Amino acid sequence: METKKNAGAFYLWLDVSKMEDDISFCRKLLDQEGVALTPGSAFYCPSYVRLAYTKDISILLDAAARMKRFVERNYSSSSGVNS
């Protein structure tokens, strides 16, 4: 996943275009791992998802581990996705 640099906000934009559309990615991640991200389409930024990092670091680290597991399980490295 690639990220976009943000100026002064508490979130990251993650590019999921090599995996699938942003809405499907968010729905599957929530269903499979219980991690909620916001589809970029809601902000006129399709192909990206928004990750807000406003929680305690332990919660964020757990969410990152769940996201990594989700990507490894659902998207093969042959699709150009780096884990």
PDB file of N, CA and C in Angstrom:
ATOM      1  N   MET A   1       0.836  -1.176   0.000  1.00  0.00           N
ATOM      2  CA  MET A   1       0.000   0.000   0.000  1.00  0.00           C
ATOM      3  C   MET A   1       0.880   1.238   0.000  1.00  0.00           C
ATOM      4  N   GLU A   2       0.484   2.216  -0.733  1.00  0.00           N
ATOM      5  CA  GLU A   2       1.182   3.496  -0.720  1.00  0.00           C
ATOM      6  C   GLU A   2       0.379   4.481   0.125  1.00  0.00           C
ATOM      7  N   THR A   3       1.060   5.490   0.632  1.00  0.00           N
ATOM      8  CA  THR A   3       0.386   6.511   1.429  1.00  0.00           C
ATOM      9  C   THR A   3       0.555   7.874   0.780  1.00  0.00           C
ATOM     10  N   LYS A   4      -0.356   8.771   1.095  1.00  0.00           N
ATOM     11  CA  LYS A   4      -0.248  10.167   0.676  1.00  0.00           C
ATOM     12  C   LYS A   4       0.116  10.976   1.907  1.00  0.00           C
ATOM     13  N   LYS A   5       1.046  11.920   1.752  1.00  0.00           N
ATOM     14  CA  LYS A   5       1.432  12.783   2.871  1.00  0.00           C
ATOM     15  C   LYS A   5       0.291  13.750   3.183  1.00  0.00           C
ATOM     16  N   ASN A   6       0.044  13.915   4.464  1.00  0.00           N
ATOM     17  CA  ASN A   6      -1.033  14.772   4.913  1.00  0.00           C
ATOM     18  C   ASN A   6      -0.454  15.929   5.716  1.00  0.00           C
ATOM     19  N   ALA A   7      -0.982  17.101   5.562  1.00  0.00           N
ATOM     20  CA  ALA A   7      -0.458  18.277   6.258  1.00  0.00           C
ATOM     21  C   ALA A   7      -1.294  18.575   7.494  1.00  0.00           C
ATOM     22  N   GLY A   8      -0.877  18.065   8.652  1.00  0.00           N
ATOM     23  CA  GLY A   8      -1.479  18.468   9.909  1.00  0.00           C
ATOM     24  C   GLY A   8      -2.743  17.780  10.352  1.00  0.00           C
ATOM     25  N   ALA A   9      -3.093  16.665   9.800  1.00  0.00           N
ATOM     26  CA  ALA A   9      -4.301  15.973  10.237  1.00  0.00           C
ATOM     27  C   ALA A   9      -3.936  14.657  10.911  1.00  0.00           C
ATOM     28  N   PHE A  10      -4.920  14.024  11.522  1.00  0.00           N
ATOM     29  CA  PHE A  10      -4.691  12.783  12.233  1.00  0.00           C
ATOM     30  C   PHE A  10      -5.170  11.582  11.422  1.00  0.00           C
ATOM     31  N   TYR A  11      -4.804  11.523  10.169  1.00  0.00           N
ATOM     32  CA  TYR A  11      -5.163  10.383   9.345  1.00  0.00           C
ATOM     33  C   TYR A  11      -4.181  10.213   8.199  1.00  0.00           C
ATOM     34  N   LEU A  12      -4.201   8.992   7.645  1.00  0.00           N
ATOM     35  CA  LEU A  12      -3.375   8.654   6.481  1.00  0.00           C
ATOM     36  C   LEU A  12      -4.289   8.239   5.347  1.00  0.00           C
ATOM     37  N   TRP A  13      -3.861   8.496   4.136  1.00  0.00           N
ATOM     38  CA  TRP A  13      -4.539   7.999   2.951  1.00  0.00           C
ATOM     39  C   TRP A  13      -3.735   6.824   2.422  1.00  0.00           C
ATOM     40  N   LEU A  14      -4.375   5.673   2.268  1.00  0.00           N
ATOM     41  CA  LEU A  14      -3.719   4.468   1.772  1.00  0.00           C
ATOM     42  C   LEU A  14      -4.275   4.110   0.405  1.00  0.00           C
ATOM     43  N   ASP A  15      -3.393   3.903  -0.560  1.00  0.00           N
ATOM     44  CA  ASP A  15      -3.788   3.550  -1.923  1.00  0.00           C
ATOM     45  C   ASP A  15      -4.081   2.058  -1.996  1.00  0.00           C
ATOM     46  N   VAL A  16      -5.322   1.694  -2.296  1.00  0.00           N
ATOM     47  CA  VAL A  16      -5.702   0.288  -2.421  1.00  0.00           C
ATOM     48  C   VAL A  16      -6.049  -0.085  -3.864  1.00  0.00           C
ATOM     49  N   SER A  17      -5.687   0.761  -4.802  1.00  0.00           N
ATOM     50  CA  SER A  17      -6.081   0.558  -6.199  1.00  0.00           C
ATOM     51  C   SER A  17      -5.539  -0.736  -6.804  1.00  0.00           C
ATOM     52  N   LYS A  18      -4.423  -1.248  -6.303  1.00  0.00           N
ATOM     53  CA  LYS A  18      -3.876  -2.500  -6.839  1.00  0.00           C
ATOM     54  C   LYS A  18      -4.588  -3.718  -6.264  1.00  0.00           C
ATOM     55  N   MET A  19      -5.473  -3.486  -5.286  1.00  0.00           N
ATOM     56  CA  MET A  19      -6.196  -4.594  -4.670  1.00  0.00           C
ATOM     57  C   MET A  19      -7.633  -4.670  -5.168  1.00  0.00           C
ATOM     58  N   GLU A  20      -8.396  -3.620  -4.938  1.00  0.00           N
ATOM     59  CA  GLU A  20      -9.769  -3.525  -5.425  1.00  0.00           C
ATOM     60  C   GLU A  20     -10.312  -2.136  -5.095  1.00  0.00           C
ATOM     61  N   ASP A  21     -11.594  -1.919  -5.335  1.00  0.00           N
ATOM     62  CA  ASP A  21     -12.128  -0.584  -5.067  1.00  0.00           C
ATOM     63  C   ASP A  21     -12.169  -0.318  -3.565  1.00  0.00           C
ATOM     64  N   ASP A  22     -12.140   0.941  -3.221  1.00  0.00           N
ATOM     65  CA  ASP A  22     -12.033   1.363  -1.824  1.00  0.00           C
ATOM     66  C   ASP A  22     -13.200   0.895  -0.953  1.00  0.00           C
ATOM     67  N   ILE A  23     -14.395   0.905  -1.483  1.00  0.00           N
ATOM     68  CA  ILE A  23     -15.567   0.511  -0.698  1.00  0.00           C
ATOM     69  C   ILE A  23     -15.518  -0.985  -0.376  1.00  0.00           C
ATOM     70  N   SER A  24     -15.226  -1.810  -1.368  1.00  0.00           N
ATOM     71  CA  SER A  24     -15.129  -3.256  -1.137  1.00  0.00           C
ATOM     72  C   SER A  24     -14.011  -3.581  -0.164  1.00  0.00           C
ATOM     73  N   PHE A  25     -12.881  -2.898  -0.301  1.00  0.00           N
ATOM     74  CA  PHE A  25     -11.757  -3.122   0.596  1.00  0.00           C
ATOM     75  C   PHE A  25     -12.179  -2.848   2.040  1.00  0.00           C
ATOM     76  N   CYS A  26     -12.833  -1.709   2.284  1.00  0.00           N
ATOM     77  CA  CYS A  26     -13.253  -1.338   3.638  1.00  0.00           C
ATOM     78  C   CYS A  26     -14.278  -2.317   4.202  1.00  0.00           C
ATOM     79  N   ARG A  27     -15.213  -2.732   3.368  1.00  0.00           N
ATOM     80  CA  ARG A  27     -16.244  -3.677   3.843  1.00  0.00           C
ATOM     81  C   ARG A  27     -15.619  -5.012   4.240  1.00  0.00           C
ATOM     82  N   LYS A  28     -14.736  -5.532   3.391  1.00  0.00           N
ATOM     83  CA  LYS A  28     -14.095  -6.816   3.678  1.00  0.00           C
ATOM     84  C   LYS A  28     -13.206  -6.734   4.915  1.00  0.00           C
ATOM     85  N   LEU A  29     -12.458  -5.652   5.042  1.00  0.00           N
ATOM     86  CA  LEU A  29     -11.587  -5.477   6.201  1.00  0.00           C
ATOM     87  C   LEU A  29     -12.409  -5.445   7.490  1.00  0.00           C
ATOM     88  N   LEU A  30     -13.512  -4.734   7.468  1.00  0.00           N
ATOM     89  CA  LEU A  30     -14.378  -4.663   8.645  1.00  0.00           C
ATOM     90  C   LEU A  30     -14.981  -6.034   8.958  1.00  0.00           C
ATOM     91  N   ASP A  31     -15.477  -6.726   7.936  1.00  0.00           N
ATOM     92  CA  ASP A  31     -16.090  -8.037   8.146  1.00  0.00           C
ATOM     93  C   ASP A  31     -15.091  -9.076   8.651  1.00  0.00           C
ATOM     94  N   GLN A  32     -13.899  -9.084   8.068  1.00  0.00           N
ATOM     95  CA  GLN A  32     -12.929 -10.132   8.385  1.00  0.00           C
ATOM     96  C   GLN A  32     -12.071  -9.840   9.603  1.00  0.00           C
ATOM     97  N   GLU A  33     -11.750  -8.577   9.834  1.00  0.00           N
ATOM     98  CA  GLU A  33     -10.802  -8.243  10.902  1.00  0.00           C
ATOM     99  C   GLU A  33     -11.324  -7.260  11.936  1.00  0.00           C
ATOM    100  N   GLY A  34     -12.516  -6.700  11.718  1.00  0.00           N
ATOM    101  CA  GLY A  34     -13.071  -5.758  12.681  1.00  0.00           C
ATOM    102  C   GLY A  34     -12.373  -4.409  12.704  1.00  0.00           C
ATOM    103  N   VAL A  35     -11.703  -4.064  11.599  1.00  0.00           N
ATOM    104  CA  VAL A  35     -11.005  -2.777  11.492  1.00  0.00           C
ATOM    105  C   VAL A  35     -11.800  -1.889  10.536  1.00  0.00           C
ATOM    106  N   ALA A  36     -12.161  -0.701  10.992  1.00  0.00           N
ATOM    107  CA  ALA A  36     -12.960   0.223  10.186  1.00  0.00           C
ATOM    108  C   ALA A  36     -12.085   1.331   9.611  1.00  0.00           C
ATOM    109  N   LEU A  37     -12.069   1.408   8.292  1.00  0.00           N
ATOM    110  CA  LEU A  37     -11.445   2.512   7.569  1.00  0.00           C
ATOM    111  C   LEU A  37     -12.548   3.203   6.784  1.00  0.00           C
ATOM    112  N   THR A  38     -12.294   4.403   6.325  1.00  0.00           N
ATOM    113  CA  THR A  38     -13.283   5.140   5.542  1.00  0.00           C
ATOM    114  C   THR A  38     -12.900   5.093   4.063  1.00  0.00           C
ATOM    115  N   PRO A  39     -13.826   4.688   3.195  1.00  0.00           N
ATOM    116  CA  PRO A  39     -13.528   4.700   1.761  1.00  0.00           C
ATOM    117  C   PRO A  39     -13.230   6.122   1.286  1.00  0.00           C
ATOM    118  N   GLY A  40     -12.216   6.256   0.474  1.00  0.00           N
ATOM    119  CA  GLY A  40     -11.855   7.566  -0.059  1.00  0.00           C
ATOM    120  C   GLY A  40     -12.948   8.177  -0.914  1.00  0.00           C
ATOM    121  N   SER A  41     -13.804   7.327  -1.486  1.00  0.00           N
ATOM    122  CA  SER A  41     -14.915   7.832  -2.313  1.00  0.00           C
ATOM    123  C   SER A  41     -15.767   8.837  -1.558  1.00  0.00           C
ATOM    124  N   ALA A  42     -15.846   8.678  -0.251  1.00  0.00           N
ATOM    125  CA  ALA A  42     -16.634   9.614   0.570  1.00  0.00           C
ATOM    126  C   ALA A  42     -16.035  11.017   0.561  1.00  0.00           C
ATOM    127  N   PHE A  43     -14.772  11.119   0.156  1.00  0.00           N
ATOM    128  CA  PHE A  43     -14.063  12.402   0.107  1.00  0.00           C
ATOM    129  C   PHE A  43     -13.609  12.727  -1.316  1.00  0.00           C
ATOM    130  N   TYR A  44     -14.270  12.127  -2.299  1.00  0.00           N
ATOM    131  CA  TYR A  44     -13.934  12.321  -3.714  1.00  0.00           C
ATOM    132  C   TYR A  44     -12.498  11.892  -4.010  1.00  0.00           C
ATOM    133  N   CYS A  45     -12.073  10.823  -3.340  1.00  0.00           N
ATOM    134  CA  CYS A  45     -10.722  10.298  -3.519  1.00  0.00           C
ATOM    135  C   CYS A  45     -10.792   8.777  -3.679  1.00  0.00           C
ATOM    136  N   PRO A  46     -11.452   8.311  -4.759  1.00  0.00           N
ATOM    137  CA  PRO A  46     -11.577   6.870  -4.941  1.00  0.00           C
ATOM    138  C   PRO A  46     -10.202   6.225  -5.088  1.00  0.00           C
ATOM    139  N   SER A  47     -10.137   4.960  -4.813  1.00  0.00           N
ATOM    140  CA  SER A  47      -8.907   4.159  -4.855  1.00  0.00           C
ATOM    141  C   SER A  47      -8.073   4.301  -3.592  1.00  0.00           C
ATOM    142  N   TYR A  48      -8.493   5.169  -2.680  1.00  0.00           N
ATOM    143  CA  TYR A  48      -7.789   5.336  -1.418  1.00  0.00           C
ATOM    144  C   TYR A  48      -8.752   5.032  -0.270  1.00  0.00           C
ATOM    145  N   VAL A  49      -8.174   4.671   0.880  1.00  0.00           N
ATOM    146  CA  VAL A  49      -8.941   4.537   2.111  1.00  0.00           C
ATOM    147  C   VAL A  49      -8.297   5.450   3.149  1.00  0.00           C
ATOM    148  N   ARG A  50      -9.108   5.924   4.077  1.00  0.00           N
ATOM    149  CA  ARG A  50      -8.596   6.843   5.096  1.00  0.00           C
ATOM    150  C   ARG A  50      -8.504   6.132   6.437  1.00  0.00           C
ATOM    151  N   LEU A  51      -7.333   6.196   7.019  1.00  0.00           N
ATOM    152  CA  LEU A  51      -7.071   5.599   8.326  1.00  0.00           C
ATOM    153  C   LEU A  51      -6.870   6.736   9.318  1.00  0.00           C
ATOM    154  N   ALA A  52      -7.770   6.843  10.282  1.00  0.00           N
ATOM    155  CA  ALA A  52      -7.633   7.856  11.333  1.00  0.00           C
ATOM    156  C   ALA A  52      -6.814   7.260  12.467  1.00  0.00           C
ATOM    157  N   TYR A  53      -5.805   7.994  12.911  1.00  0.00           N
ATOM    158  CA  TYR A  53      -4.974   7.484  14.013  1.00  0.00           C
ATOM    159  C   TYR A  53      -5.159   8.341  15.264  1.00  0.00           C
ATOM    160  N   THR A  54      -6.375   8.243  15.787  1.00  0.00           N
ATOM    161  CA  THR A  54      -6.751   9.031  16.958  1.00  0.00           C
ATOM    162  C   THR A  54      -6.950   8.171  18.200  1.00  0.00           C
ATOM    163  N   LYS A  55      -6.580   6.904  18.122  1.00  0.00           N
ATOM    164  CA  LYS A  55      -6.717   5.979  19.246  1.00  0.00           C
ATOM    165  C   LYS A  55      -5.377   5.784  19.941  1.00  0.00           C
ATOM    166  N   ASP A  56      -5.406   5.100  21.064  1.00  0.00           N
ATOM    167  CA  ASP A  56      -4.207   4.745  21.795  1.00  0.00           C
ATOM    168  C   ASP A  56      -3.287   3.904  20.907  1.00  0.00           C
ATOM    169  N   ILE A  57      -1.983   4.041  21.092  1.00  0.00           N
ATOM    170  CA  ILE A  57      -1.013   3.361  20.242  1.00  0.00           C
ATOM    171  C   ILE A  57      -1.188   1.849  20.261  1.00  0.00           C
ATOM    172  N   SER A  58      -1.582   1.270  21.382  1.00  0.00           N
ATOM    173  CA  SER A  58      -1.772  -0.183  21.444  1.00  0.00           C
ATOM    174  C   SER A  58      -2.916  -0.625  20.527  1.00  0.00           C
ATOM    175  N   ILE A  59      -3.960   0.168  20.440  1.00  0.00           N
ATOM    176  CA  ILE A  59      -5.085  -0.127  19.549  1.00  0.00           C
ATOM    177  C   ILE A  59      -4.642   0.018  18.095  1.00  0.00           C
ATOM    178  N   LEU A  60      -3.866   1.049  17.799  1.00  0.00           N
ATOM    179  CA  LEU A  60      -3.378   1.260  16.438  1.00  0.00           C
ATOM    180  C   LEU A  60      -2.442   0.131  15.992  1.00  0.00           C
ATOM    181  N   LEU A  61      -1.588  -0.330  16.884  1.00  0.00           N
ATOM    182  CA  LEU A  61      -0.685  -1.435  16.546  1.00  0.00           C
ATOM    183  C   LEU A  61      -1.457  -2.717  16.283  1.00  0.00           C
ATOM    184  N   ASP A  62      -2.478  -2.977  17.077  1.00  0.00           N
ATOM    185  CA  ASP A  62      -3.321  -4.143  16.852  1.00  0.00           C
ATOM    186  C   ASP A  62      -4.037  -4.036  15.505  1.00  0.00           C
ATOM    187  N   ALA A  63      -4.570  -2.856  15.200  1.00  0.00           N
ATOM    188  CA  ALA A  63      -5.252  -2.648  13.914  1.00  0.00           C
ATOM    189  C   ALA A  63      -4.285  -2.835  12.751  1.00  0.00           C
ATOM    190  N   ALA A  64      -3.057  -2.360  12.894  1.00  0.00           N
ATOM    191  CA  ALA A  64      -2.053  -2.525  11.837  1.00  0.00           C
ATOM    192  C   ALA A  64      -1.749  -4.004  11.609  1.00  0.00           C
ATOM    193  N   ALA A  65      -1.641  -4.777  12.680  1.00  0.00           N
ATOM    194  CA  ALA A  65      -1.392  -6.215  12.549  1.00  0.00           C
ATOM    195  C   ALA A  65      -2.567  -6.904  11.862  1.00  0.00           C
ATOM    196  N   ARG A  66      -3.784  -6.500  12.193  1.00  0.00           N
ATOM    197  CA  ARG A  66      -4.970  -7.070  11.554  1.00  0.00           C
ATOM    198  C   ARG A  66      -5.024  -6.707  10.075  1.00  0.00           C
ATOM    199  N   MET A  67      -4.670  -5.458   9.745  1.00  0.00           N
ATOM    200  CA  MET A  67      -4.661  -5.028   8.346  1.00  0.00           C
ATOM    201  C   MET A  67      -3.618  -5.808   7.547  1.00  0.00           C
ATOM    202  N   LYS A  68      -2.459  -6.007   8.123  1.00  0.00           N
ATOM    203  CA  LYS A  68      -1.398  -6.772   7.457  1.00  0.00           C
ATOM    204  C   LYS A  68      -1.875  -8.194   7.184  1.00  0.00           C
ATOM    205  N   ARG A  69      -2.465  -8.828   8.188  1.00  0.00           N
ATOM    206  CA  ARG A  69      -2.987 -10.190   8.030  1.00  0.00           C
ATOM    207  C   ARG A  69      -4.057 -10.232   6.935  1.00  0.00           C
ATOM    208  N   PHE A  70      -4.931  -9.250   6.923  1.00  0.00           N
ATOM    209  CA  PHE A  70      -5.996  -9.161   5.921  1.00  0.00           C
ATOM    210  C   PHE A  70      -5.422  -9.061   4.512  1.00  0.00           C
ATOM    211  N   VAL A  71      -4.460  -8.182   4.327  1.00  0.00           N
ATOM    212  CA  VAL A  71      -3.866  -7.998   2.996  1.00  0.00           C
ATOM    213  C   VAL A  71      -3.131  -9.264   2.565  1.00  0.00           C
ATOM    214  N   GLU A  72      -2.375  -9.871   3.471  1.00  0.00           N
ATOM    215  CA  GLU A  72      -1.649 -11.095   3.132  1.00  0.00           C
ATOM    216  C   GLU A  72      -2.600 -12.231   2.771  1.00  0.00           C
ATOM    217  N   ARG A  73      -3.708 -12.327   3.462  1.00  0.00           N
ATOM    218  CA  ARG A  73      -4.677 -13.400   3.217  1.00  0.00           C
ATOM    219  C   ARG A  73      -5.474 -13.192   1.928  1.00  0.00           C
ATOM    220  N   ASN A  74      -5.792 -11.955   1.608  1.00  0.00           N
ATOM    221  CA  ASN A  74      -6.715 -11.692   0.504  1.00  0.00           C
ATOM    222  C   ASN A  74      -6.080 -11.270  -0.812  1.00  0.00           C
ATOM    223  N   TYR A  75      -4.852 -10.788  -0.784  1.00  0.00           N
ATOM    224  CA  TYR A  75      -4.258 -10.249  -1.995  1.00  0.00           C
ATOM    225  C   TYR A  75      -2.849 -10.824  -2.155  1.00  0.00           C
ATOM    226  N   SER A  76      -2.665 -11.570  -3.227  1.00  0.00           N
ATOM    227  CA  SER A  76      -1.367 -12.238  -3.435  1.00  0.00           C
ATOM    228  C   SER A  76      -0.318 -11.250  -3.901  1.00  0.00           C
ATOM    229  N   SER A  77       0.931 -11.589  -3.682  1.00  0.00           N
ATOM    230  CA  SER A  77       2.037 -10.718  -4.131  1.00  0.00           C
ATOM    231  C   SER A  77       2.114 -10.664  -5.657  1.00  0.00           C
ATOM    232  N   SER A  78       1.497 -11.622  -6.339  1.00  0.00           N
ATOM    233  CA  SER A  78       1.506 -11.601  -7.805  1.00  0.00           C
ATOM    234  C   SER A  78       0.678 -10.456  -8.365  1.00  0.00           C
ATOM    235  N   SER A  79      -0.174  -9.842  -7.520  1.00  0.00           N
ATOM    236  CA  SER A  79      -0.987  -8.710  -7.989  1.00  0.00           C
ATOM    237  C   SER A  79      -0.236  -7.390  -7.865  1.00  0.00           C
ATOM    238  N   GLY A  80       1.022  -7.453  -7.407  1.00  0.00           N
ATOM    239  CA  GLY A  80       1.798  -6.227  -7.282  1.00  0.00           C
ATOM    240  C   GLY A  80       1.665  -5.574  -5.920  1.00  0.00           C
ATOM    241  N   VAL A  81       1.029  -6.236  -4.981  1.00  0.00           N
ATOM    242  CA  VAL A  81       0.836  -5.692  -3.643  1.00  0.00           C
ATOM    243  C   VAL A  81       1.999  -6.111  -2.774  1.00  0.00           C
ATOM    244  N   ASN A  82       2.620  -5.142  -2.107  1.00  0.00           N
ATOM    245  CA  ASN A  82       3.703  -5.436  -1.172  1.00  0.00           C
ATOM    246  C   ASN A  82       3.144  -5.481   0.229  1.00  0.00           C
ATOM    247  N   SER A  83       3.457  -6.518   0.974  1.00  0.00           N
ATOM    248  CA  SER A  83       2.957  -6.613   2.357  1.00  0.00           C
ATOM    249  C   SER A  83       3.938  -6.026   3.327  1.00  0.00           C
TER     250      SER A  83
END
